[in-house]
């Protein structure tokens, strides 16, 4: 199989205007904006055990 047949479809999906690599290029790079994070509710954390799988 030719690299062109494998690579072209992947690059087409990765590098369009809204693809995951849209902010990267030979002349530019922008760090992504971090996703917002919220702490887990106390009732969820209370269900977790301290021992790993016992």
Protein backbone atom coordinates (compact mmCIF):
# COMPACT_ATOMS: atom_id res chain seq x y z
CA UNK A 1 0.00 0.00 0.00
CA UNK A 2 1.26 3.42 -0.90
CA UNK A 3 1.78 5.98 1.89
CA UNK A 4 -0.35 8.39 -0.11
CA UNK A 5 -3.36 6.09 0.20
CA UNK A 6 -2.89 5.88 3.97
CA UNK A 7 -1.69 9.38 4.81
CA UNK A 8 -3.90 11.58 2.61
CA UNK A 9 -7.23 10.62 4.26
CA UNK A 10 -5.72 10.99 7.73
CA UNK A 11 -4.24 14.41 7.02
CA UNK A 12 -7.52 15.50 5.46
CA UNK A 13 -9.29 14.63 8.74
CA UNK A 14 -6.62 16.05 11.06
CA UNK A 15 -5.78 19.34 9.39
CA UNK A 16 -8.98 21.03 8.13
CA UNK A 17 -10.04 24.41 9.48
CA UNK A 18 -11.75 22.83 12.52
CA UNK A 19 -9.59 19.69 12.83
CA UNK A 20 -7.42 18.86 15.84
CA UNK A 21 -4.23 20.14 14.15
CA UNK A 22 -5.75 23.36 12.82
CA UNK A 23 -3.64 25.51 15.15
CA UNK A 24 -0.32 23.91 14.19
CA UNK A 25 1.85 24.52 11.17
CA UNK A 26 5.43 25.24 10.15
CA UNK A 27 4.96 28.95 10.83
CA UNK A 28 2.53 28.91 13.74
CA UNK A 29 1.62 27.14 16.94
CA UNK A 30 -0.99 28.05 19.52
CA UNK A 31 -1.49 26.15 22.74
CA UNK A 32 -5.06 24.88 23.03
CA UNK A 33 -7.45 26.46 25.48
CA UNK A 34 -7.82 24.13 28.47
CA UNK A 35 -11.20 22.54 29.03
CA UNK A 36 -13.07 23.66 32.15
CA UNK A 37 -12.78 21.34 35.13
CA UNK A 38 -15.18 20.99 38.04
CA UNK A 39 -14.42 19.01 41.18
CA UNK A 40 -16.33 15.77 41.65
CA UNK A 41 -19.26 16.04 44.07
CA UNK A 42 -18.57 14.83 47.62
CA UNK A 43 -21.22 12.09 47.33
CA UNK A 44 -19.40 10.60 44.34
CA UNK A 45 -16.03 10.73 46.09
CA UNK A 46 -17.57 9.11 49.19
CA UNK A 47 -18.39 6.02 47.11
CA UNK A 48 -14.75 5.45 46.21
CA UNK A 49 -12.67 3.11 48.34
CA UNK A 50 -9.14 3.81 49.50
CA UNK A 51 -7.95 0.29 48.73
CA UNK A 52 -7.35 -0.60 45.09
CA UNK A 53 -9.99 -3.16 44.16
CA UNK A 54 -10.19 -5.14 47.39
